[in-house]
N, C-alpha and C. Protein backbone atom coordinates (compact mmCIF):
# COMPACT_ATOMS: atom_id res chain seq x y z
N MET A 1 62.06 -129.90 -48.05
CA MET A 1 63.06 -131.08 -48.45
C MET A 1 63.19 -131.24 -50.00
N ASP A 2 64.13 -131.92 -50.63
CA ASP A 2 63.94 -132.06 -51.95
C ASP A 2 63.10 -132.84 -52.70
N ASN A 3 62.21 -133.74 -51.57
CA ASN A 3 60.49 -134.83 -52.38
C ASN A 3 61.59 -136.08 -52.60
N LYS A 4 63.10 -136.18 -52.66
CA LYS A 4 63.28 -137.68 -53.29
C LYS A 4 63.62 -138.76 -51.88
N ARG A 5 62.37 -140.20 -52.79
CA ARG A 5 62.77 -141.23 -52.43
C ARG A 5 63.83 -141.99 -50.87
N SER A 6 64.18 -142.72 -50.03
CA SER A 6 65.07 -142.43 -49.89
C SER A 6 66.32 -143.82 -49.56
N SER A 7 67.23 -144.43 -49.91
CA SER A 7 66.81 -146.06 -49.83
C SER A 7 67.17 -146.10 -49.08
N MET A 8 67.15 -145.07 -47.62
CA MET A 8 67.56 -145.77 -46.21
C MET A 8 66.20 -146.36 -45.71
N THR A 9 66.15 -147.84 -45.29
CA THR A 9 65.58 -148.86 -44.62
C THR A 9 65.07 -148.83 -43.46
N ASP A 10 64.35 -149.06 -43.17
CA ASP A 10 64.20 -149.13 -41.60
C ASP A 10 65.77 -150.81 -41.16
N GLU A 11 66.15 -151.79 -41.95
CA GLU A 11 66.90 -152.62 -41.64
C GLU A 11 68.24 -152.43 -42.06
N LYS A 12 68.14 -151.08 -43.26
CA LYS A 12 69.73 -150.35 -42.90
C LYS A 12 70.29 -149.69 -42.11
N ILE A 13 68.62 -149.25 -41.39
CA ILE A 13 68.71 -148.12 -40.31
C ILE A 13 69.52 -149.02 -38.24
N SER A 14 69.01 -150.26 -38.77
CA SER A 14 68.51 -150.96 -37.71
C SER A 14 70.05 -151.97 -36.93
N ALA A 15 70.48 -152.73 -38.99
CA ALA A 15 71.94 -152.48 -38.87
C ALA A 15 74.06 -151.91 -38.85
N LEU A 16 73.12 -150.65 -38.78
CA LEU A 16 74.19 -149.32 -38.49
C LEU A 16 73.55 -149.56 -37.19
N GLU A 17 72.63 -149.38 -36.52
CA GLU A 17 72.71 -148.80 -34.88
C GLU A 17 73.38 -150.38 -34.22
N ALA A 18 72.68 -151.05 -34.93
CA ALA A 18 74.15 -152.72 -34.28
C ALA A 18 75.12 -152.84 -34.10
N ILE A 19 76.29 -151.10 -35.29
CA ILE A 19 77.73 -152.00 -35.20
C ILE A 19 77.41 -150.57 -34.58
N GLY A 20 76.58 -150.23 -33.73
CA GLY A 20 77.16 -148.79 -32.66
C GLY A 20 77.07 -146.89 -34.02
N PHE A 21 77.02 -147.40 -35.48
CA PHE A 21 77.27 -146.13 -35.43
C PHE A 21 75.93 -145.16 -34.51
N VAL A 22 77.41 -143.69 -35.06
CA VAL A 22 76.62 -142.03 -34.46
C VAL A 22 75.43 -141.72 -35.46
N TRP A 23 75.01 -141.02 -35.34
CA TRP A 23 74.18 -141.22 -35.85
C TRP A 23 73.89 -138.86 -36.41
N ALA A 24 74.57 -138.10 -35.11
CA ALA A 24 74.41 -137.20 -34.99
C ALA A 24 76.22 -136.94 -34.15
N LYS A 25 76.33 -135.74 -34.12
CA LYS A 25 77.60 -135.35 -33.47
C LYS A 25 76.63 -135.51 -31.77
N PRO A 26 76.99 -135.13 -30.60
CA PRO A 26 76.02 -134.92 -29.20
C PRO A 26 75.86 -133.85 -29.37
N ASN A 27 75.05 -132.93 -28.86
CA ASN A 27 75.10 -131.53 -28.21
C ASN A 27 74.52 -131.32 -27.62
N GLY A 28 74.49 -130.22 -26.82
CA GLY A 28 73.62 -129.32 -25.11
C GLY A 28 74.51 -130.30 -24.16
N GLN A 29 73.29 -131.23 -23.36
CA GLN A 29 73.56 -131.20 -22.63
C GLN A 29 74.11 -133.24 -22.49
N VAL A 30 74.24 -134.05 -23.30
CA VAL A 30 74.11 -135.16 -24.05
C VAL A 30 76.68 -135.08 -24.03
N ARG A 31 75.75 -133.73 -24.91
CA ARG A 31 77.51 -133.00 -24.92
C ARG A 31 78.27 -133.35 -23.22
N TRP A 32 77.96 -132.00 -22.38
CA TRP A 32 78.96 -132.05 -21.68
C TRP A 32 78.30 -133.05 -20.87
N ASP A 33 77.50 -134.00 -20.80
CA ASP A 33 77.65 -135.25 -19.50
C ASP A 33 79.15 -135.71 -19.72
N LYS A 34 79.39 -135.70 -21.33
CA LYS A 34 80.01 -136.79 -21.96
C LYS A 34 81.88 -135.93 -21.14
N HIS A 35 81.36 -134.53 -21.71
CA HIS A 35 82.76 -133.94 -21.08
C HIS A 35 82.87 -134.31 -19.60
N TYR A 36 81.70 -134.05 -19.04
CA TYR A 36 82.16 -134.40 -17.36
C TYR A 36 82.96 -135.24 -17.01
N ALA A 37 81.86 -136.72 -17.54
CA ALA A 37 82.69 -138.05 -17.18
C ALA A 37 84.10 -138.16 -17.54
N GLU A 38 84.56 -137.52 -18.72
CA GLU A 38 86.20 -137.27 -18.94
C GLU A 38 86.52 -136.61 -17.78
N LEU A 39 86.13 -135.29 -17.48
CA LEU A 39 86.28 -134.78 -16.29
C LEU A 39 86.56 -136.04 -15.69
N GLN A 40 85.90 -136.08 -14.89
CA GLN A 40 85.52 -136.78 -13.07
C GLN A 40 87.05 -138.73 -14.23
N ALA A 41 87.56 -139.39 -15.48
CA ALA A 41 88.30 -139.17 -15.41
C ALA A 41 89.66 -138.80 -15.24
N PHE A 42 89.51 -138.27 -15.90
CA PHE A 42 90.84 -137.38 -15.46
C PHE A 42 91.08 -136.88 -14.03
N HIS A 43 90.27 -136.60 -13.36
CA HIS A 43 90.53 -136.76 -11.39
C HIS A 43 90.97 -137.48 -10.91
N ALA A 44 90.07 -139.01 -11.26
CA ALA A 44 90.53 -140.80 -11.24
C ALA A 44 91.96 -140.45 -10.84
N GLU A 45 91.77 -140.80 -11.90
CA GLU A 45 93.90 -140.64 -12.27
C GLU A 45 94.64 -139.49 -11.91
N HIS A 46 94.02 -138.73 -11.33
CA HIS A 46 95.27 -137.07 -11.47
C HIS A 46 95.30 -136.52 -9.97
N SER A 47 94.30 -137.33 -9.01
CA SER A 47 93.46 -136.72 -8.31
C SER A 47 93.61 -134.83 -7.95
N HIS A 48 93.80 -134.84 -10.02
CA HIS A 48 93.17 -132.92 -9.62
C HIS A 48 92.16 -132.90 -10.87
N ALA A 49 90.98 -130.99 -10.92
CA ALA A 49 90.74 -131.70 -12.63
C ALA A 49 90.73 -129.50 -13.00
N ASN A 50 92.08 -129.81 -13.08
CA ASN A 50 92.87 -128.87 -13.70
C ASN A 50 94.08 -129.13 -15.61
N VAL A 51 93.01 -129.58 -15.81
CA VAL A 51 93.56 -130.21 -17.44
C VAL A 51 93.90 -129.19 -18.46
N PRO A 52 95.31 -129.52 -18.28
CA PRO A 52 95.90 -127.74 -19.49
C PRO A 52 94.64 -127.98 -20.69
N THR A 53 95.12 -126.72 -21.18
CA THR A 53 94.09 -126.09 -22.42
C THR A 53 94.08 -127.37 -23.33
N LYS A 54 95.74 -127.03 -23.35
CA LYS A 54 96.65 -127.73 -24.59
C LYS A 54 96.61 -129.21 -24.09
N TYR A 55 96.24 -129.65 -23.81
CA TYR A 55 95.88 -131.37 -22.92
C TYR A 55 96.11 -132.24 -24.36
N GLU A 56 97.22 -133.10 -24.88
CA GLU A 56 97.87 -134.21 -25.70
C GLU A 56 97.02 -135.72 -25.45
N PRO A 57 97.04 -135.81 -24.59
CA PRO A 57 95.64 -137.09 -24.50
C PRO A 57 94.17 -136.98 -25.40
N ASN A 58 93.61 -135.65 -24.86
CA ASN A 58 92.80 -135.22 -24.95
C ASN A 58 91.72 -133.96 -25.22
N PRO A 59 92.48 -133.34 -26.67
CA PRO A 59 92.23 -132.12 -26.43
C PRO A 59 90.76 -131.65 -26.44
N ALA A 60 90.22 -132.44 -27.00
CA ALA A 60 88.48 -131.71 -26.14
C ALA A 60 88.37 -131.26 -25.64
N LEU A 61 88.42 -131.69 -24.36
CA LEU A 61 88.73 -132.27 -23.02
C LEU A 61 89.69 -130.54 -22.14
N GLY A 62 90.59 -130.55 -23.54
CA GLY A 62 91.14 -129.44 -22.41
C GLY A 62 90.28 -127.38 -22.89
N ARG A 63 89.87 -128.02 -24.76
CA ARG A 63 89.54 -126.97 -24.70
C ARG A 63 87.41 -127.27 -24.20
N TRP A 64 87.40 -127.84 -23.83
CA TRP A 64 85.86 -128.00 -22.37
C TRP A 64 86.23 -127.29 -21.41
N VAL A 65 87.51 -127.38 -20.19
CA VAL A 65 87.79 -127.12 -19.49
C VAL A 65 88.12 -125.92 -19.40
N SER A 66 88.58 -124.81 -20.80
CA SER A 66 88.59 -123.16 -20.95
C SER A 66 87.63 -123.06 -21.29
N THR A 67 86.76 -123.62 -21.51
CA THR A 67 84.93 -123.44 -21.88
C THR A 67 84.27 -123.23 -20.79
N GLN A 68 84.49 -124.23 -19.26
CA GLN A 68 83.97 -124.22 -18.26
C GLN A 68 83.52 -122.75 -17.84
N ARG A 69 84.71 -122.90 -18.11
CA ARG A 69 85.98 -120.99 -17.12
C ARG A 69 85.33 -119.93 -17.75
N ALA A 70 85.85 -119.86 -19.55
CA ALA A 70 84.53 -118.38 -19.64
C ALA A 70 83.12 -118.46 -19.66
N GLU A 71 82.42 -120.25 -19.27
CA GLU A 71 81.17 -119.99 -19.51
C GLU A 71 80.43 -119.29 -18.00
N TYR A 72 82.14 -119.71 -16.87
CA TYR A 72 81.54 -119.46 -15.70
C TYR A 72 81.20 -117.80 -15.60
N ILE A 73 81.94 -117.08 -15.91
CA ILE A 73 82.73 -115.68 -16.02
C ILE A 73 80.89 -115.12 -16.27
N LYS A 74 80.35 -115.14 -17.03
CA LYS A 74 79.12 -115.47 -17.74
C LYS A 74 78.32 -115.36 -16.65
N PHE A 75 78.46 -116.75 -15.71
CA PHE A 75 77.52 -116.96 -14.82
C PHE A 75 77.52 -116.52 -14.16
N THR A 76 78.75 -115.73 -13.69
CA THR A 76 78.51 -114.96 -12.52
C THR A 76 78.28 -113.52 -12.55
N LEU A 77 78.00 -113.13 -13.78
CA LEU A 77 77.98 -111.53 -14.56
C LEU A 77 76.31 -111.97 -14.65
N GLY A 78 75.62 -113.47 -14.73
CA GLY A 78 74.13 -113.00 -14.05
C GLY A 78 74.14 -112.97 -15.88
N GLN A 79 75.23 -113.06 -17.69
CA GLN A 79 74.82 -113.78 -18.07
C GLN A 79 74.60 -114.44 -18.78
N LYS A 80 73.89 -114.74 -20.72
CA LYS A 80 73.13 -115.59 -20.81
C LYS A 80 74.65 -116.75 -21.26
N THR A 81 74.36 -117.48 -19.92
CA THR A 81 75.02 -119.07 -20.29
C THR A 81 74.65 -120.41 -20.79
N PHE A 82 75.23 -121.21 -20.70
CA PHE A 82 74.51 -122.60 -20.58
C PHE A 82 74.96 -123.52 -19.55
N LEU A 83 75.86 -122.57 -18.22
CA LEU A 83 76.19 -122.83 -17.35
C LEU A 83 74.88 -122.93 -16.58
N THR A 84 75.35 -123.98 -15.27
CA THR A 84 73.61 -123.57 -15.46
C THR A 84 74.31 -123.70 -13.46
N ARG A 85 73.41 -123.51 -12.27
CA ARG A 85 74.01 -123.19 -11.15
C ARG A 85 74.32 -125.53 -10.66
N GLU A 86 73.57 -127.36 -11.87
CA GLU A 86 74.05 -127.69 -11.55
C GLU A 86 74.45 -128.08 -12.06
N LYS A 87 75.27 -127.89 -12.77
CA LYS A 87 76.37 -127.57 -13.62
C LYS A 87 77.77 -126.83 -12.67
N VAL A 88 77.91 -125.86 -12.42
CA VAL A 88 78.46 -125.78 -11.56
C VAL A 88 78.88 -126.47 -9.77
N ALA A 89 77.45 -127.22 -9.83
CA ALA A 89 78.20 -127.91 -8.54
C ALA A 89 78.35 -129.43 -8.76
N ASN A 90 78.13 -129.88 -10.11
CA ASN A 90 79.00 -131.01 -10.32
C ASN A 90 80.59 -130.67 -10.33
N LEU A 91 80.61 -129.90 -10.94
CA LEU A 91 82.26 -129.31 -11.55
C LEU A 91 83.28 -129.46 -9.78
N ASN A 92 82.43 -128.31 -8.77
CA ASN A 92 82.67 -128.16 -7.43
C ASN A 92 82.71 -128.99 -7.05
N THR A 93 81.62 -130.25 -7.06
CA THR A 93 82.69 -131.58 -6.47
C THR A 93 83.89 -132.67 -6.73
N LEU A 94 84.40 -131.73 -7.83
CA LEU A 94 85.21 -132.60 -8.63
C LEU A 94 86.61 -131.08 -8.38
N ARG A 95 86.53 -130.62 -7.16
CA ARG A 95 87.07 -129.26 -6.94
C ARG A 95 87.75 -127.83 -8.57
N PHE A 96 87.29 -128.13 -8.76
CA PHE A 96 87.22 -127.65 -10.51
C PHE A 96 88.03 -126.02 -10.16
N ARG A 97 88.41 -125.19 -10.79
CA ARG A 97 89.63 -124.31 -10.28
C ARG A 97 89.32 -123.54 -11.43
N TRP A 98 87.89 -122.44 -11.02
CA TRP A 98 87.55 -121.69 -12.81
C TRP A 98 88.38 -121.09 -12.71
N SER A 99 89.39 -120.79 -11.85
CA SER A 99 90.72 -119.47 -13.35
C SER A 99 92.00 -120.61 -13.31
N ALA A 100 92.13 -120.53 -14.34
CA ALA A 100 93.36 -121.51 -15.18
C ALA A 100 95.25 -120.71 -14.09
N GLN A 101 94.49 -119.20 -14.08
CA GLN A 101 95.87 -118.69 -13.73
C GLN A 101 96.45 -119.38 -11.94
N ASN A 102 97.26 -119.41 -12.21
CA ASN A 102 98.52 -119.49 -11.24
C ASN A 102 98.62 -121.68 -10.05
N GLN A 103 97.10 -121.88 -11.89
CA GLN A 103 97.05 -124.14 -11.20
C GLN A 103 97.53 -124.75 -11.63
N TYR A 104 99.55 -124.30 -12.37
CA TYR A 104 100.74 -124.75 -12.31
C TYR A 104 101.27 -125.03 -11.59
N GLY A 105 101.26 -123.26 -10.84
CA GLY A 105 102.51 -122.79 -10.43
C GLY A 105 103.44 -121.57 -10.36
N LEU A 106 102.19 -121.33 -11.82
CA LEU A 106 103.03 -119.93 -12.70
C LEU A 106 103.04 -118.95 -11.63
């Protein structure tokens, strides 16, 4: 650290938090839970969880779904992955397709 004093006071922090300021980009479990909730909403609307990788209304969700599939391969091979049995079970409750092949009738 540079040992400089900050102009950020407790009052300023409280004021920012009161208007919903987000201090840092969510990561780890928080981010996973956020995208899982988005997938649940997608499933409720479309009756499936097969989000296209390039899903225009929510590109981040499409990338996240693609990442889950890639991580699942590591999971099944016993390689290091952030995907857990609990996360796999949660995705399976939505009838998540672990392979993108033939999901669009191709």
